[in-house]
Amino acid sequence: MPVFGAHLSVAGGLTNAVSAAVGLECGTVQLFTKNASTWAGKPLADADARAFRAAVRAAGLRFPTAHDSYLINLASPDDRLYRKSIAAFADELDRAEALGLSYLVSHPGAHTGSGVDAGVARVVAALDEVHARCVGYKVQVLIETTAGQGSCLGATFEEIAAILDGVDDSDRLGVCFDTCHAFAAGYPLAAADDYAATFGRFDDLVGLDRLRLFHVNDSVKGLGSRVDRHAHIGQGQIGIDAFRRLVTDPRFADRPMILETPKEDADGRAMDPVNLGLLRGFLTTTPAARAG
């Protein structure tokens, strides 16, 4: 069965995300290893890294994952920002390795007017440089599908494939498939035929074997909107059936599926338990119900 989890807060200490995952009966967790809105974080103490790794082991969590800072732009044509982004991304990889994480999820970046080809080339060169700095690391970088707002790369499977194919040590890369982002970028998922066609195209261009992890989010905005706004499962434009198909798809039975949905509803009710409950419930419904 899929390994369900959520992006959880590290406020008060990294191990707090592990404790929260245990409380939600998660099999995995995603976190920021530092403030995602800052370039530099407090250096990671060896004792804190050891405590985190021990907590993950004790909790039996699989595929622990981090998301990198939103400030990083490995596609930038601006040399100063580009060099700053490479340094920050290498630091993110250092932190993820020290914590024993399986994956570091990253948006490809935005070309800001230089064009898709130039942006992809910058990302490829940046990842090659970071890999050269971080020889022997076990943590794998996952390029995330994006909604394609503005000049952001990663909205098409072709762009994802170009990055993976361009990097010298591409075995150190995989893909994070965000359902909201893919839908907003124009890949339909709601109907059974559309779901099959979207993942068929992904397989043709990228390969399902490169798909390591899902961000499981419904979408506030419609198909092809190019707007990245996450909704609770079944309460957005994608709809409940797509998530039932995803969770029960035998091709993805061993994949981590991580929520990045809003933490509360309009009434202040905690929603991670509700959204996780829906996902788990799809596994216990009858075949007839799943077919619907």
Foldseek 3Di string as FASTA:
>chain_A
DAFEAAEDEQVPAVLVQLVVRVVLVGQEYEYAPAPLADQDGDDDDLVRLVVLLVSCVVSNHPQYEYEHHPQAALLEPDVVSNVSNLVSVLVSLVSCQSNVHQEYEYENHFHQPPDLVSSLVSSQVSVLVSCVVVDPGRHAYAHEAALCPDRGPRQDLLSVLSNLVSHPPSVSYAHEYEPQSNQSSAQAQQDPVSVVVSVVVNCVRPRPVRHAAYAYFAYQDGGNNSDDDGAAAQPHHNHNLSLLCVLPPVSNVYHYYYYPHDQADPVRHGCPSVSVVSSVVSVVDDPVVNVD
